[in-house]
Amino acid sequence: MKDFSYITNSHPSFIEGMYQQFLNDANSVDPDLKKF
C-alpha cells in the first residue's frame, strides 16, 4: 500500500485545487494523484 500521508497533511484548498485541475485535464496531475 502506498503512503498518502502527504495528502492528508495538505491544506484543503490545495487538495481542492488539484482536484479541479484533475477535472479540467486528468493528465495534468501526477499519476499517483489520479489514484487518490
C-alpha atoms as a PDB file:
ATOM      1  CA  MET A   1       0.000   0.000   0.000  1.00  0.00           C
ATOM      2  CA  LYS A   2       1.291   3.429  -0.878  1.00  0.00           C
ATOM      3  CA  ASP A   3       1.772   6.105   1.747  1.00  0.00           C
ATOM      4  CA  PHE A   4      -0.625   9.000   1.085  1.00  0.00           C
ATOM      5  CA  SER A   5       0.200  10.877   4.302  1.00  0.00           C
ATOM      6  CA  TYR A   6       1.423  13.815   2.209  1.00  0.00           C
ATOM      7  CA  ILE A   7      -2.167  14.252   1.010  1.00  0.00           C
ATOM      8  CA  THR A   8      -3.781  14.087   4.431  1.00  0.00           C
ATOM      9  CA  ASN A   9      -1.291  16.646   5.744  1.00  0.00           C
ATOM     10  CA  SER A  10      -2.037  19.106   2.932  1.00  0.00           C
ATOM     11  CA  HIS A  11      -4.193  22.185   3.165  1.00  0.00           C
ATOM     12  CA  PRO A  12      -7.784  21.546   1.977  1.00  0.00           C
ATOM     13  CA  SER A  13      -7.628  24.365  -0.572  1.00  0.00           C
ATOM     14  CA  PHE A  14      -4.532  22.764  -2.125  1.00  0.00           C
ATOM     15  CA  ILE A  15      -6.358  19.440  -2.467  1.00  0.00           C
ATOM     16  CA  GLU A  16      -9.408  21.189  -3.927  1.00  0.00           C
ATOM     17  CA  GLY A  17      -7.192  22.982  -6.454  1.00  0.00           C
ATOM     18  CA  MET A  18      -5.556  19.731  -7.507  1.00  0.00           C
ATOM     19  CA  TYR A  19      -8.979  18.111  -7.874  1.00  0.00           C
ATOM     20  CA  GLN A  20     -10.222  20.965 -10.058  1.00  0.00           C
ATOM     21  CA  GLN A  21      -7.064  20.697 -12.158  1.00  0.00           C
ATOM     22  CA  PHE A  22      -7.709  16.947 -12.492  1.00  0.00           C
ATOM     23  CA  LEU A  23     -11.302  17.570 -13.599  1.00  0.00           C
ATOM     24  CA  ASN A  24     -10.117  20.004 -16.269  1.00  0.00           C
ATOM     25  CA  ASP A  25      -7.327  17.740 -17.537  1.00  0.00           C
ATOM     26  CA  ALA A  26      -6.658  14.388 -15.865  1.00  0.00           C
ATOM     27  CA  ASN A  27      -3.221  14.208 -17.489  1.00  0.00           C
ATOM     28  CA  SER A  28      -2.093  17.445 -15.844  1.00  0.00           C
ATOM     29  CA  VAL A  29      -1.691  15.887 -12.393  1.00  0.00           C
ATOM     30  CA  ASP A  30       0.792  13.346 -11.093  1.00  0.00           C
ATOM     31  CA  PRO A  31      -0.270   9.752 -11.864  1.00  0.00           C
ATOM     32  CA  ASP A  32      -0.301   8.886  -8.138  1.00  0.00           C
ATOM     33  CA  LEU A  33      -2.816  11.666  -7.516  1.00  0.00           C
ATOM     34  CA  LYS A  34      -5.129  10.176 -10.131  1.00  0.00           C
ATOM     35  CA  LYS A  35      -5.394   7.068  -7.948  1.00  0.00           C
ATOM     36  CA  PHE A  36      -6.233   9.169  -4.927  1.00  0.00           C
END
